[in-house]
Amino acid sequence: MNGGALIGLVGMLLLVSAWVPQTWETIKTRKCPLNMGFILIYVTASTLLTVYSYIIGDWIFFALNFLAAFQSAINLTVKLMEKKR
């Protein structure tokens, strides 16, 4: 692994780990305090970037965006379930 890939990997881990506390709290409380518009844009953008990174073959970028999309999708799901109550 070269220096650039290592920097990318550390950045990916830090960025994805930033979502962990919010996602964990959302799961525990079954409430998502995040703005619906923010979540929708974030899930959409991360999903599109996941597809793009797959197409260009950048696996660090792919993992980052896949995990970010997954965690934000959990928050979106909980937010949508709140609206139905």
Protein backbone atom coordinates (compact mmCIF):
# COMPACT_ATOMS: atom_id res chain seq x y z
CA MET A 1 0.00 0.00 0.00
CA ASN A 2 1.48 3.33 -1.02
CA GLY A 3 1.34 6.57 0.98
CA GLY A 4 -1.61 7.96 -0.95
CA ALA A 5 -3.68 4.85 -0.36
CA LEU A 6 -2.81 4.90 3.33
CA ILE A 7 -3.91 8.53 3.63
CA GLY A 8 -7.14 7.65 1.81
CA LEU A 9 -7.75 4.68 4.09
CA VAL A 10 -7.25 6.74 7.26
CA GLY A 11 -9.52 9.47 5.89
CA MET A 12 -12.16 6.89 5.01
CA LEU A 13 -12.06 5.35 8.48
CA LEU A 14 -12.35 8.75 10.16
CA LEU A 15 -15.21 9.92 7.96
CA VAL A 16 -17.20 6.70 8.30
CA SER A 17 -16.57 6.57 12.05
CA ALA A 18 -18.13 10.03 12.37
CA TRP A 19 -21.49 8.46 11.47
CA VAL A 20 -21.21 5.66 14.04
CA PRO A 21 -22.30 7.60 17.17
CA GLN A 22 -25.29 9.17 15.39
CA THR A 23 -26.38 5.89 13.83
CA TRP A 24 -25.99 4.03 17.14
CA GLU A 25 -28.06 6.68 18.96
CA THR A 26 -30.71 6.55 16.23
CA ILE A 27 -30.96 2.76 16.55
CA LYS A 28 -31.08 2.88 20.38
CA THR A 29 -33.67 5.64 20.67
CA ARG A 30 -35.55 4.85 17.46
CA LYS A 31 -35.56 8.58 16.79
CA CYS A 32 -33.50 10.49 14.26
CA PRO A 33 -32.92 14.17 15.03
CA LEU A 34 -31.36 14.87 11.62
CA ASN A 35 -33.10 17.06 9.06
CA MET A 36 -35.00 15.01 6.46
CA GLY A 37 -33.66 17.06 3.54
CA PHE A 38 -30.08 16.54 4.72
CA ILE A 39 -30.55 12.79 5.03
CA LEU A 40 -32.17 12.47 1.59
CA ILE A 41 -29.39 14.44 -0.10
CA TYR A 42 -26.68 12.53 1.79
CA VAL A 43 -28.08 9.08 0.98
CA THR A 44 -28.54 10.01 -2.68
CA ALA A 45 -25.09 11.56 -3.03
CA SER A 46 -23.33 8.69 -1.25
CA THR A 47 -25.16 6.12 -3.37
CA LEU A 48 -24.24 7.89 -6.60
CA LEU A 49 -20.62 8.21 -5.46
CA THR A 50 -20.61 4.50 -4.57
CA VAL A 51 -21.64 3.64 -8.13
CA TYR A 52 -19.09 6.07 -9.57
CA SER A 53 -16.24 4.72 -7.43
CA TYR A 54 -17.13 1.18 -8.51
CA ILE A 55 -17.04 2.23 -12.16
CA ILE A 56 -13.60 3.85 -11.81
CA GLY A 57 -12.31 0.99 -9.63
CA ASP A 58 -11.36 3.06 -6.57
CA TRP A 59 -11.99 0.61 -3.72
CA ILE A 60 -11.21 3.00 -0.86
CA PHE A 61 -13.62 5.57 -2.29
CA PHE A 62 -16.13 2.76 -2.88
CA ALA A 63 -15.92 1.50 0.71
CA LEU A 64 -16.20 5.02 2.11
CA ASN A 65 -19.30 5.88 0.12
CA PHE A 66 -20.94 2.49 0.55
CA LEU A 67 -20.56 2.64 4.33
CA ALA A 68 -21.66 6.28 4.48
CA ALA A 69 -24.72 5.50 2.34
CA PHE A 70 -25.53 2.47 4.50
CA GLN A 71 -25.31 4.35 7.79
CA SER A 72 -27.23 7.36 6.54
CA ALA A 73 -29.87 5.00 5.06
CA ILE A 74 -30.39 3.56 8.55
CA ASN A 75 -31.03 7.08 9.81
CA LEU A 76 -33.38 7.71 6.88
CA THR A 77 -35.32 4.51 7.59
CA VAL A 78 -35.81 5.45 11.23
CA LYS A 79 -36.81 9.00 10.24
CA LEU A 80 -39.43 7.65 7.81
CA MET A 81 -40.76 5.27 10.45
CA GLU A 82 -41.11 8.23 12.86
CA LYS A 83 -43.31 9.99 10.32
CA LYS A 84 -45.70 6.99 10.19
CA ARG A 85 -46.31 7.01 13.96
